[in-house]
């Protein structure tokens, strides 16, 4: 027993012995009024002790049984409260754990989506870079082709001019030769004249 309970018990027994000798009925009525207080367990226990000290064992036993019943029901209520509190705490912890798992899943999913987006962005950027390089090579090849086509057409034009000059000079030489050579008519006449002279 702790000090307060010992002190209370001593005080109660002392007062009971003094008070019960002078007026035992008034002590019982005071304790029975206390039965209506909020702390009925202590009141029932005091009544039990009072009747026990007065030697009224039947009444003491009745109050003792009520005291035990009320104490046990309060203990059961406390246990039920603790059990309900523990159950609610368990449900809360379970919900928190589920929420945490869902949040971790969402975070992992968001990280995975972010990673996929980065991969897509890098892939598109790489593809565009390759397309740009390919376009540069195609443009370079096209410009080289245009340059060589221009060179070829220039050389073709030079060749055509040279060919025209050659043909013109051949024709000119032919005219000169033809002008220096006797005509067919002249050769026929001379051949006929030679034949007549023979």
N, C-alpha and C. Protein backbone atom coordinates (compact mmCIF):
# COMPACT_ATOMS: atom_id res chain seq x y z
N UNK A 1 0.84 -1.18 0.00
CA UNK A 1 0.00 0.00 0.00
C UNK A 1 0.88 1.24 0.00
N UNK A 2 0.38 2.25 -0.68
CA UNK A 2 1.15 3.49 -0.66
C UNK A 2 0.79 4.31 0.57
N UNK A 3 1.46 5.41 0.75
CA UNK A 3 1.33 6.22 1.96
C UNK A 3 -0.07 6.80 2.10
N UNK A 4 -0.65 7.28 1.03
CA UNK A 4 -1.98 7.90 1.08
C UNK A 4 -3.03 6.90 1.52
N UNK A 5 -2.95 5.70 0.97
CA UNK A 5 -3.93 4.68 1.35
C UNK A 5 -3.78 4.31 2.83
N UNK A 6 -2.56 4.19 3.28
CA UNK A 6 -2.33 3.87 4.69
C UNK A 6 -2.86 4.97 5.59
N UNK A 7 -2.58 6.21 5.20
CA UNK A 7 -3.04 7.35 5.99
C UNK A 7 -4.56 7.40 6.02
N UNK A 8 -5.16 7.21 4.84
CA UNK A 8 -6.62 7.23 4.76
C UNK A 8 -7.23 6.13 5.61
N UNK A 9 -6.67 4.96 5.52
CA UNK A 9 -7.19 3.83 6.29
C UNK A 9 -7.05 4.09 7.80
N UNK A 10 -5.90 4.61 8.18
CA UNK A 10 -5.70 4.92 9.60
C UNK A 10 -6.72 5.97 10.04
N UNK A 11 -6.86 7.04 9.25
CA UNK A 11 -7.79 8.12 9.57
C UNK A 11 -9.22 7.60 9.62
N UNK A 12 -9.58 6.74 8.67
CA UNK A 12 -10.92 6.18 8.62
C UNK A 12 -11.19 5.31 9.84
N UNK A 13 -10.25 4.45 10.15
CA UNK A 13 -10.46 3.56 11.30
C UNK A 13 -10.51 4.35 12.61
N UNK A 14 -9.65 5.34 12.72
CA UNK A 14 -9.67 6.17 13.92
C UNK A 14 -11.00 6.89 14.06
N UNK A 15 -11.46 7.51 12.95
CA UNK A 15 -12.73 8.22 12.98
C UNK A 15 -13.90 7.26 13.19
N UNK A 16 -13.78 6.07 12.62
CA UNK A 16 -14.86 5.09 12.78
C UNK A 16 -15.00 4.68 14.24
N UNK A 17 -13.87 4.47 14.87
CA UNK A 17 -13.94 4.02 16.27
C UNK A 17 -14.50 5.13 17.14
N UNK A 18 -14.12 6.37 16.90
CA UNK A 18 -14.61 7.49 17.69
C UNK A 18 -16.07 7.77 17.34
N UNK A 19 -16.33 7.83 16.04
CA UNK A 19 -17.65 8.22 15.57
C UNK A 19 -18.68 7.13 15.81
N UNK A 20 -18.26 5.88 15.65
CA UNK A 20 -19.20 4.78 15.82
C UNK A 20 -19.62 4.63 17.27
N UNK A 21 -18.74 4.99 18.14
CA UNK A 21 -19.11 4.90 19.56
C UNK A 21 -20.14 5.97 19.90
N UNK A 22 -20.01 7.16 19.32
CA UNK A 22 -20.95 8.23 19.65
C UNK A 22 -22.23 8.13 18.83
N UNK A 23 -22.10 7.89 17.50
CA UNK A 23 -23.29 7.87 16.64
C UNK A 23 -23.03 7.00 15.41
N UNK A 24 -23.17 5.69 15.48
CA UNK A 24 -22.85 4.82 14.37
C UNK A 24 -23.79 5.00 13.18
N UNK A 25 -25.04 5.33 13.40
CA UNK A 25 -25.99 5.48 12.28
C UNK A 25 -25.66 6.69 11.42
N UNK A 26 -25.21 7.77 12.00
CA UNK A 26 -24.89 8.96 11.21
C UNK A 26 -23.65 8.72 10.36
N UNK A 27 -22.69 7.94 10.85
CA UNK A 27 -21.50 7.60 10.05
C UNK A 27 -21.90 6.80 8.83
N UNK A 28 -22.79 5.85 8.99
CA UNK A 28 -23.25 5.02 7.87
C UNK A 28 -24.02 5.88 6.87
N UNK A 29 -24.85 6.80 7.35
CA UNK A 29 -25.61 7.65 6.42
C UNK A 29 -24.67 8.57 5.64
N UNK A 30 -23.61 9.06 6.29
CA UNK A 30 -22.62 9.89 5.59
C UNK A 30 -21.93 9.08 4.50
N UNK A 31 -21.53 7.85 4.82
CA UNK A 31 -20.85 7.01 3.83
C UNK A 31 -21.81 6.60 2.71
N UNK A 32 -23.09 6.39 3.02
CA UNK A 32 -24.05 6.02 1.98
C UNK A 32 -24.30 7.18 1.03
N UNK A 33 -24.26 8.42 1.54
CA UNK A 33 -24.38 9.58 0.67
C UNK A 33 -23.19 9.65 -0.28
N UNK A 34 -22.04 9.26 0.23
CA UNK A 34 -20.85 9.25 -0.60
C UNK A 34 -20.95 8.22 -1.70
N UNK A 35 -21.85 7.28 -1.53
CA UNK A 35 -22.04 6.26 -2.56
C UNK A 35 -22.52 6.88 -3.87
N UNK A 36 -23.16 8.04 -3.79
CA UNK A 36 -23.67 8.72 -4.97
C UNK A 36 -22.59 9.55 -5.66
N UNK A 37 -21.45 9.68 -5.05
CA UNK A 37 -20.35 10.44 -5.65
C UNK A 37 -19.83 9.72 -6.89
N UNK A 38 -18.95 10.41 -7.58
CA UNK A 38 -18.37 9.83 -8.79
C UNK A 38 -17.42 8.69 -8.45
N UNK A 39 -16.86 8.72 -7.29
CA UNK A 39 -15.90 7.69 -6.92
C UNK A 39 -16.60 6.62 -6.07
N UNK A 40 -17.51 5.90 -6.71
CA UNK A 40 -18.34 4.91 -6.01
C UNK A 40 -17.52 3.73 -5.52
N UNK A 41 -16.48 3.40 -6.17
CA UNK A 41 -15.67 2.24 -5.77
C UNK A 41 -15.09 2.48 -4.38
N UNK A 42 -14.51 3.67 -4.18
CA UNK A 42 -13.92 3.98 -2.87
C UNK A 42 -15.00 4.06 -1.79
N UNK A 43 -16.14 4.61 -2.19
CA UNK A 43 -17.24 4.72 -1.23
C UNK A 43 -17.72 3.34 -0.80
N UNK A 44 -17.87 2.43 -1.75
CA UNK A 44 -18.30 1.07 -1.42
C UNK A 44 -17.25 0.37 -0.55
N UNK A 45 -16.01 0.62 -0.82
CA UNK A 45 -14.95 0.01 -0.02
C UNK A 45 -14.97 0.57 1.41
N UNK A 46 -15.23 1.89 1.54
CA UNK A 46 -15.33 2.51 2.87
C UNK A 46 -16.52 1.95 3.64
N UNK A 47 -17.64 1.76 2.93
CA UNK A 47 -18.82 1.18 3.58
C UNK A 47 -18.53 -0.24 4.06
N UNK A 48 -17.84 -0.99 3.21
CA UNK A 48 -17.47 -2.35 3.60
C UNK A 48 -16.63 -2.32 4.87
N UNK A 49 -15.60 -1.45 4.88
CA UNK A 49 -14.71 -1.36 6.05
C UNK A 49 -15.48 -0.90 7.29
N UNK A 50 -16.40 0.03 7.10
CA UNK A 50 -17.17 0.55 8.23
C UNK A 50 -18.05 -0.55 8.83
N UNK A 51 -18.81 -1.25 7.98
CA UNK A 51 -19.69 -2.30 8.48
C UNK A 51 -18.88 -3.46 9.05
N UNK A 52 -17.73 -3.72 8.46
CA UNK A 52 -16.86 -4.79 8.97
C UNK A 52 -16.34 -4.44 10.37
N UNK A 53 -15.95 -3.17 10.55
CA UNK A 53 -15.44 -2.76 11.85
C UNK A 53 -16.56 -2.70 12.90
N UNK A 54 -17.79 -2.47 12.44
CA UNK A 54 -18.93 -2.44 13.35
C UNK A 54 -19.44 -3.84 13.66
N UNK A 55 -18.94 -4.80 12.91
CA UNK A 55 -19.33 -6.18 13.16
C UNK A 55 -20.59 -6.59 12.42
N UNK A 56 -21.06 -5.80 11.51
CA UNK A 56 -22.25 -6.16 10.72
C UNK A 56 -21.75 -6.82 9.44
N UNK A 57 -21.47 -8.07 9.53
CA UNK A 57 -20.81 -8.82 8.46
C UNK A 57 -21.68 -9.00 7.23
N UNK A 58 -23.00 -9.15 7.41
CA UNK A 58 -23.87 -9.35 6.24
C UNK A 58 -23.86 -8.10 5.35
N UNK A 59 -24.03 -6.93 5.99
CA UNK A 59 -24.00 -5.69 5.21
C UNK A 59 -22.60 -5.47 4.64
N UNK A 60 -21.57 -5.77 5.44
CA UNK A 60 -20.19 -5.62 4.97
C UNK A 60 -19.95 -6.49 3.74
N UNK A 61 -20.45 -7.74 3.78
CA UNK A 61 -20.29 -8.66 2.64
C UNK A 61 -21.02 -8.14 1.41
N UNK A 62 -22.22 -7.61 1.57
CA UNK A 62 -22.98 -7.05 0.44
C UNK A 62 -22.25 -5.90 -0.21
N UNK A 63 -21.72 -4.98 0.64
CA UNK A 63 -20.96 -3.85 0.07
C UNK A 63 -19.64 -4.30 -0.53
N UNK A 64 -19.05 -5.33 0.07
CA UNK A 64 -17.80 -5.86 -0.48
C UNK A 64 -18.04 -6.45 -1.87
N UNK A 65 -19.14 -7.20 -2.02
CA UNK A 65 -19.46 -7.79 -3.34
C UNK A 65 -19.73 -6.69 -4.36
N UNK A 66 -20.48 -5.65 -3.94
CA UNK A 66 -20.73 -4.53 -4.86
C UNK A 66 -19.43 -3.83 -5.22
N UNK A 67 -18.56 -3.67 -4.19
CA UNK A 67 -17.26 -3.05 -4.43
C UNK A 67 -16.45 -3.85 -5.45
N UNK A 68 -16.38 -5.17 -5.28
CA UNK A 68 -15.62 -6.03 -6.19
C UNK A 68 -16.23 -5.98 -7.60
N UNK A 69 -17.57 -6.05 -7.67
CA UNK A 69 -18.24 -6.02 -8.98
C UNK A 69 -17.98 -4.71 -9.70
N UNK A 70 -18.12 -3.58 -8.98
CA UNK A 70 -17.90 -2.28 -9.60
C UNK A 70 -16.43 -2.09 -9.98
N UNK A 71 -15.54 -2.54 -9.11
CA UNK A 71 -14.11 -2.43 -9.42
C UNK A 71 -13.76 -3.23 -10.67
N UNK A 72 -14.27 -4.48 -10.73
CA UNK A 72 -14.01 -5.31 -11.91
C UNK A 72 -14.61 -4.71 -13.17
N UNK A 73 -15.82 -4.15 -13.07
CA UNK A 73 -16.43 -3.55 -14.26
C UNK A 73 -15.63 -2.32 -14.70
N UNK A 74 -15.12 -1.53 -13.73
CA UNK A 74 -14.28 -0.39 -14.10
C UNK A 74 -12.97 -0.86 -14.74
N UNK A 75 -12.42 -1.93 -14.19
CA UNK A 75 -11.19 -2.48 -14.78
C UNK A 75 -11.48 -2.98 -16.18
N UNK A 76 -12.64 -3.64 -16.35
CA UNK A 76 -13.02 -4.12 -17.69
C UNK A 76 -13.22 -2.95 -18.65
N UNK A 77 -13.84 -1.87 -18.14
CA UNK A 77 -14.01 -0.68 -18.98
C UNK A 77 -12.66 -0.11 -19.37
N UNK A 78 -11.76 -0.04 -18.40
CA UNK A 78 -10.42 0.46 -18.69
C UNK A 78 -9.71 -0.44 -19.70
N UNK A 79 -9.85 -1.74 -19.49
CA UNK A 79 -9.24 -2.68 -20.44
C UNK A 79 -9.86 -2.53 -21.82
N UNK A 80 -11.20 -2.33 -21.84
CA UNK A 80 -11.87 -2.14 -23.14
C UNK A 80 -11.38 -0.85 -23.79
N UNK A 81 -11.21 0.21 -22.96
CA UNK A 81 -10.69 1.47 -23.51
C UNK A 81 -9.29 1.27 -24.06
N UNK A 82 -8.46 0.59 -23.26
CA UNK A 82 -7.08 0.34 -23.73
C UNK A 82 -7.08 -0.53 -24.98
N UNK A 83 -7.95 -1.52 -24.99
CA UNK A 83 -8.04 -2.40 -26.15
C UNK A 83 -8.51 -1.62 -27.37
N UNK A 84 -9.56 -0.78 -27.19
CA UNK A 84 -10.05 0.04 -28.29
C UNK A 84 -8.98 1.01 -28.76
N UNK A 85 -8.29 1.61 -27.78
CA UNK A 85 -7.21 2.54 -28.14
C UNK A 85 -6.11 1.81 -28.90
N UNK A 86 -5.75 0.62 -28.43
CA UNK A 86 -4.71 -0.15 -29.12
C UNK A 86 -5.18 -0.55 -30.52
N UNK A 87 -6.46 -0.93 -30.62
CA UNK A 87 -7.00 -1.31 -31.93
C UNK A 87 -7.03 -0.12 -32.88
N UNK A 88 -7.45 1.04 -32.34
CA UNK A 88 -7.46 2.25 -33.17
C UNK A 88 -6.05 2.64 -33.58
N UNK A 89 -5.11 2.50 -32.64
CA UNK A 89 -3.72 2.81 -32.97
C UNK A 89 -3.20 1.86 -34.04
N UNK A 90 -3.58 0.58 -33.91
CA UNK A 90 -3.17 -0.41 -34.91
C UNK A 90 -3.75 -0.05 -36.28
N UNK A 91 -5.07 0.30 -36.31
CA UNK A 91 -5.70 0.69 -37.57
C UNK A 91 -5.03 1.94 -38.15
N UNK A 92 -4.75 2.89 -37.26
CA UNK A 92 -4.08 4.11 -37.71
C UNK A 92 -2.70 3.78 -38.28
N UNK A 93 -1.94 2.96 -37.55
CA UNK A 93 -0.61 2.58 -38.03
C UNK A 93 -0.70 1.82 -39.34
N UNK A 94 -1.72 0.94 -39.44
CA UNK A 94 -1.90 0.17 -40.67
C UNK A 94 -2.22 1.10 -41.84
N UNK A 95 -3.12 2.06 -41.59
CA UNK A 95 -3.45 3.02 -42.66
C UNK A 95 -2.24 3.86 -43.03
N UNK A 96 -1.50 4.26 -42.02
CA UNK A 96 -0.28 5.04 -42.28
C UNK A 96 0.71 4.23 -43.10
N UNK A 97 0.85 2.95 -42.74
CA UNK A 97 1.78 2.08 -43.48
C UNK A 97 1.31 1.91 -44.93
N UNK A 98 -0.02 1.72 -45.09
CA UNK A 98 -0.57 1.58 -46.45
C UNK A 98 -0.36 2.88 -47.22
N UNK A 99 -0.65 4.01 -46.56
CA UNK A 99 -0.45 5.30 -47.22
C UNK A 99 1.01 5.51 -47.57
N UNK A 100 1.89 5.09 -46.67
CA UNK A 100 3.33 5.23 -46.94
C UNK A 100 3.74 4.36 -48.12
N UNK A 101 3.21 3.14 -48.17
CA UNK A 101 3.52 2.24 -49.29
C UNK A 101 2.99 2.84 -50.59
N UNK A 102 1.73 3.36 -50.54
CA UNK A 102 1.17 3.99 -51.74
C UNK A 102 2.00 5.19 -52.17
N UNK A 103 2.42 5.98 -51.17
CA UNK A 103 3.24 7.14 -51.50
C UNK A 103 4.57 6.72 -52.09
N UNK A 104 5.17 5.67 -51.53
CA UNK A 104 6.43 5.17 -52.08
C UNK A 104 6.23 4.64 -53.50
N UNK A 105 5.08 3.95 -53.71
CA UNK A 105 4.79 3.46 -55.07
C UNK A 105 4.61 4.64 -56.02
N UNK A 106 3.88 5.67 -55.57
CA UNK A 106 3.69 6.85 -56.42
C UNK A 106 5.03 7.52 -56.71
N UNK A 107 5.87 7.61 -55.68
CA UNK A 107 7.18 8.22 -55.86
C UNK A 107 8.03 7.40 -56.83
N UNK A 108 7.99 6.07 -56.66
CA UNK A 108 8.75 5.20 -57.57
C UNK A 108 8.20 5.30 -58.98
N UNK A 109 6.86 5.35 -59.11
CA UNK A 109 6.24 5.46 -60.43
C UNK A 109 6.60 6.80 -61.06
N UNK A 110 6.57 7.87 -60.26
CA UNK A 110 6.93 9.19 -60.78
C UNK A 110 8.40 9.20 -61.21
N UNK A 111 9.25 8.57 -60.41
CA UNK A 111 10.68 8.51 -60.77
C UNK A 111 10.87 7.70 -62.05
N UNK A 112 10.11 6.62 -62.17
CA UNK A 112 10.21 5.79 -63.37
C UNK A 112 9.70 6.57 -64.59
N UNK A 113 8.57 7.29 -64.44
CA UNK A 113 8.05 8.10 -65.54
C UNK A 113 9.04 9.20 -65.90
N UNK A 114 9.65 9.81 -64.89
CA UNK A 114 10.65 10.84 -65.15
C UNK A 114 11.83 10.26 -65.91
N UNK A 115 12.26 9.07 -65.50
CA UNK A 115 13.37 8.39 -66.19
C UNK A 115 12.98 8.08 -67.63
N UNK A 116 11.75 7.60 -67.84
CA UNK A 116 11.29 7.30 -69.20
C UNK A 116 11.23 8.57 -70.03
N UNK A 117 10.75 9.66 -69.43
CA UNK A 117 10.70 10.93 -70.15
C UNK A 117 12.10 11.39 -70.53
N UNK A 118 13.05 11.22 -69.60
CA UNK A 118 14.43 11.60 -69.92
C UNK A 118 14.96 10.74 -71.07
N UNK A 119 14.68 9.44 -71.03
CA UNK A 119 15.13 8.55 -72.09
C UNK A 119 14.52 8.98 -73.42
N UNK A 120 13.21 9.29 -73.40
CA UNK A 120 12.53 9.73 -74.63
C UNK A 120 13.14 11.03 -75.12
N UNK A 121 13.36 11.98 -74.21
CA UNK A 121 13.95 13.26 -74.62
C UNK A 121 15.35 13.06 -75.20
N UNK A 122 16.15 12.22 -74.52
CA UNK A 122 17.50 11.95 -75.04
C UNK A 122 17.44 11.24 -76.39
N UNK A 123 16.51 10.31 -76.53
CA UNK A 123 16.37 9.59 -77.80
C UNK A 123 15.97 10.54 -78.92
N UNK A 124 14.97 11.38 -78.65
CA UNK A 124 14.51 12.34 -79.66
C UNK A 124 15.63 13.32 -79.98
N UNK A 125 16.33 13.78 -78.94
CA UNK A 125 17.45 14.71 -79.18
C UNK A 125 18.54 14.04 -80.02
N UNK A 126 18.87 12.80 -79.68
CA UNK A 126 19.86 12.05 -80.46
C UNK A 126 19.40 11.84 -81.89
N UNK A 127 18.11 11.49 -82.05
CA UNK A 127 17.57 11.30 -83.41
C UNK A 127 17.62 12.59 -84.21
N UNK A 128 17.25 13.69 -83.57
CA UNK A 128 17.30 14.99 -84.26
C UNK A 128 18.74 15.37 -84.61
N UNK A 129 19.66 15.06 -83.70
CA UNK A 129 21.07 15.35 -83.98
C UNK A 129 21.55 14.52 -85.18
N UNK A 130 21.20 13.23 -85.18
CA UNK A 130 21.57 12.38 -86.32
C UNK A 130 20.93 12.88 -87.61
N UNK A 131 19.65 13.29 -87.52
CA UNK A 131 18.95 13.83 -88.68
C UNK A 131 19.62 15.10 -89.17
N UNK A 132 20.06 15.94 -88.23
CA UNK A 132 20.76 17.17 -88.60
C UNK A 132 22.09 16.85 -89.28
N UNK A 133 22.84 15.89 -88.72
CA UNK A 133 24.10 15.48 -89.34
C UNK A 133 23.86 14.89 -90.74
N UNK A 134 22.85 14.04 -90.83
CA UNK A 134 22.53 13.45 -92.13
C UNK A 134 22.13 14.53 -93.13
N UNK A 135 21.33 15.49 -92.65
CA UNK A 135 20.94 16.61 -93.53
C UNK A 135 22.17 17.40 -93.97
N UNK A 136 23.11 17.58 -93.05
CA UNK A 136 24.35 18.29 -93.41
C UNK A 136 25.13 17.53 -94.47
N UNK A 137 25.24 16.19 -94.30
CA UNK A 137 25.94 15.39 -95.32
C UNK A 137 25.21 15.44 -96.66
N UNK A 138 23.90 15.36 -96.62
CA UNK A 138 23.12 15.41 -97.87
C UNK A 138 23.29 16.77 -98.54
N UNK A 139 23.23 17.85 -97.75
CA UNK A 139 23.40 19.19 -98.30
C UNK A 139 24.80 19.36 -98.87
N UNK A 140 25.80 18.84 -98.15
CA UNK A 140 27.17 18.92 -98.65
C UNK A 140 27.31 18.15 -99.96
N UNK A 141 26.73 16.93 -100.01
CA UNK A 141 26.78 16.14 -101.24
C UNK A 141 26.04 16.83 -102.38
N UNK A 142 24.91 17.47 -102.06
CA UNK A 142 24.15 18.18 -103.08
C UNK A 142 24.95 19.36 -103.63
N UNK A 143 25.61 20.09 -102.72
CA UNK A 143 26.41 21.23 -103.18
C UNK A 143 27.60 20.76 -104.01
N UNK A 144 28.23 19.66 -103.58
CA UNK A 144 29.34 19.12 -104.36
C UNK A 144 28.85 18.66 -105.73
N UNK A 145 27.67 18.06 -105.76
CA UNK A 145 27.11 17.60 -107.04
C UNK A 145 26.80 18.80 -107.93
N UNK A 146 26.24 19.85 -107.34
CA UNK A 146 25.97 21.06 -108.13
C UNK A 146 27.27 21.66 -108.64
N UNK A 147 28.28 21.69 -107.78
CA UNK A 147 29.57 22.24 -108.19
C UNK A 147 30.18 21.43 -109.33
N UNK A 148 30.14 20.08 -109.15
CA UNK A 148 30.69 19.25 -110.22
C UNK A 148 29.83 19.34 -111.48
N UNK A 149 28.51 19.46 -111.32
CA UNK A 149 27.63 19.62 -112.50
C UNK A 149 27.97 20.93 -113.21
N UNK A 150 28.21 21.98 -112.41
CA UNK A 150 28.59 23.27 -112.99
C UNK A 150 29.93 23.14 -113.71
N UNK A 151 30.89 22.44 -113.08
CA UNK A 151 32.21 22.23 -113.71
C UNK A 151 32.06 21.44 -115.00
N UNK A 152 31.22 20.40 -114.94
CA UNK A 152 31.02 19.56 -116.13
C UNK A 152 30.37 20.36 -117.24
N UNK A 153 29.35 21.14 -116.90
CA UNK A 153 28.68 21.93 -117.94
C UNK A 153 29.62 22.99 -118.50
N UNK A 154 30.48 23.54 -117.65
CA UNK A 154 31.46 24.51 -118.11
C UNK A 154 32.46 23.84 -119.06
N UNK A 155 32.93 22.65 -118.65
CA UNK A 155 33.87 21.92 -119.51
C UNK A 155 33.19 21.49 -120.81
N UNK A 156 31.91 21.11 -120.72
CA UNK A 156 31.16 20.71 -121.91
C UNK A 156 31.06 21.89 -122.87
N UNK A 157 30.80 23.05 -122.32
CA UNK A 157 30.69 24.24 -123.14
C UNK A 157 32.03 24.56 -123.80
N UNK A 158 33.12 24.38 -123.00
CA UNK A 158 34.46 24.63 -123.57
C UNK A 158 34.73 23.62 -124.68
N UNK A 159 34.37 22.35 -124.44
CA UNK A 159 34.60 21.31 -125.45
C UNK A 159 33.78 21.60 -126.71
N UNK A 160 32.52 22.03 -126.52
CA UNK A 160 31.68 22.35 -127.68
C UNK A 160 32.26 23.51 -128.49
N UNK A 161 32.77 24.51 -127.75
CA UNK A 161 33.39 25.64 -128.45
C UNK A 161 34.64 25.18 -129.22
N UNK A 162 35.46 24.33 -128.56
CA UNK A 162 36.66 23.82 -129.23
C UNK A 162 36.28 22.97 -130.44
N UNK A 163 35.23 22.15 -130.25
CA UNK A 163 34.78 21.29 -131.35
C UNK A 163 34.30 22.15 -132.52
N UNK A 164 33.59 23.24 -132.22
CA UNK A 164 33.10 24.13 -133.27
C UNK A 164 34.28 24.79 -133.99
N UNK A 165 35.27 25.19 -133.19
CA UNK A 165 36.45 25.79 -133.79
C UNK A 165 37.17 24.80 -134.70
N UNK A 166 37.29 23.54 -134.24
CA UNK A 166 37.96 22.50 -135.03
C UNK A 166 37.19 22.25 -136.31
N UNK A 167 35.86 22.13 -136.18
CA UNK A 167 35.03 21.87 -137.37
C UNK A 167 35.13 23.05 -138.33
N UNK A 168 35.09 24.25 -137.77
CA UNK A 168 35.20 25.44 -138.62
C UNK A 168 36.56 25.46 -139.33
N UNK A 169 37.63 25.12 -138.58
CA UNK A 169 38.94 25.13 -139.23
C UNK A 169 39.07 24.02 -140.26
N UNK A 170 38.41 22.85 -140.01
CA UNK A 170 38.43 21.76 -140.99
C UNK A 170 37.68 22.20 -142.26
N UNK A 171 36.55 22.83 -142.05
CA UNK A 171 35.76 23.30 -143.20
C UNK A 171 36.55 24.38 -143.97
N UNK A 172 37.20 25.22 -143.22
CA UNK A 172 37.99 26.25 -143.86
C UNK A 172 39.13 25.63 -144.67
N UNK A 173 39.81 24.62 -144.05
CA UNK A 173 40.89 23.95 -144.76
C UNK A 173 40.36 23.24 -145.99
N UNK A 174 39.18 22.66 -145.89
CA UNK A 174 38.57 21.96 -147.03
C UNK A 174 38.29 22.95 -148.15
N UNK A 175 37.80 24.13 -147.79
CA UNK A 175 37.52 25.13 -148.80
C UNK A 175 38.80 25.59 -149.49
N UNK A 176 39.82 25.70 -148.59
CA UNK A 176 41.10 26.11 -149.18
C UNK A 176 41.59 25.02 -150.13
N UNK A 177 41.48 23.78 -149.73
CA UNK A 177 41.93 22.68 -150.58
C UNK A 177 41.09 22.62 -151.85
N UNK A 178 39.82 22.83 -151.66
CA UNK A 178 38.94 22.76 -152.83
C UNK A 178 39.24 23.91 -153.78
N UNK A 179 39.58 25.03 -153.20
CA UNK A 179 39.89 26.15 -154.09
C UNK A 179 41.22 25.92 -154.80
N UNK A 180 42.13 25.23 -154.18
CA UNK A 180 43.40 24.95 -154.81
C UNK A 180 43.32 23.75 -155.75
N UNK A 181 42.49 22.89 -155.53
CA UNK A 181 42.37 21.70 -156.36
C UNK A 181 41.45 21.99 -157.55
N UNK A 182 41.73 21.36 -158.64
CA UNK A 182 40.86 21.56 -159.79
C UNK A 182 39.52 20.90 -159.56
N UNK A 183 38.53 21.37 -160.16
CA UNK A 183 37.19 20.87 -160.00
C UNK A 183 37.04 19.60 -160.82
N UNK A 184 36.01 18.88 -160.60
CA UNK A 184 35.75 17.62 -161.30
C UNK A 184 35.49 17.89 -162.78
N UNK A 185 34.89 18.95 -163.04
CA UNK A 185 34.60 19.31 -164.41
C UNK A 185 35.89 19.58 -165.18
N UNK A 186 36.77 20.27 -164.52
CA UNK A 186 38.06 20.57 -165.12
C UNK A 186 38.83 19.29 -165.36
N UNK A 187 38.82 18.36 -164.37
CA UNK A 187 39.54 17.10 -164.51
C UNK A 187 38.91 16.30 -165.64
N UNK A 188 37.67 16.29 -165.83
CA UNK A 188 37.00 15.55 -166.90
C UNK A 188 37.37 16.13 -168.26
N UNK A 189 37.41 17.37 -168.29
CA UNK A 189 37.78 17.99 -169.56
C UNK A 189 39.22 17.66 -169.92
N UNK A 190 40.07 17.70 -168.94
CA UNK A 190 41.48 17.42 -169.19
C UNK A 190 41.66 15.96 -169.53
N UNK A 191 40.94 15.08 -168.88
CA UNK A 191 41.05 13.67 -169.20
C UNK A 191 40.50 13.41 -170.60
N UNK A 192 39.49 14.08 -170.98
CA UNK A 192 38.94 13.89 -172.32
C UNK A 192 39.92 14.46 -173.35
N UNK A 193 40.49 15.54 -173.02
CA UNK A 193 41.47 16.14 -173.94
C UNK A 193 42.69 15.24 -174.03
N UNK A 194 43.09 14.63 -173.02
CA UNK A 194 44.24 13.73 -173.06
C UNK A 194 43.87 12.50 -173.85
N UNK A 195 42.76 12.08 -173.79
CA UNK A 195 42.35 10.89 -174.49
C UNK A 195 42.22 11.20 -175.98
N UNK A 196 41.87 12.32 -176.28
CA UNK A 196 41.78 12.68 -177.69
C UNK A 196 43.16 12.85 -178.26
N UNK A 197 44.03 13.24 -177.50
CA UNK A 197 45.39 13.40 -177.96
C UNK A 197 46.07 12.04 -178.03
N UNK A 198 45.70 11.16 -177.73
CA UNK A 198 46.34 9.89 -177.77
C UNK A 198 45.89 9.15 -178.92
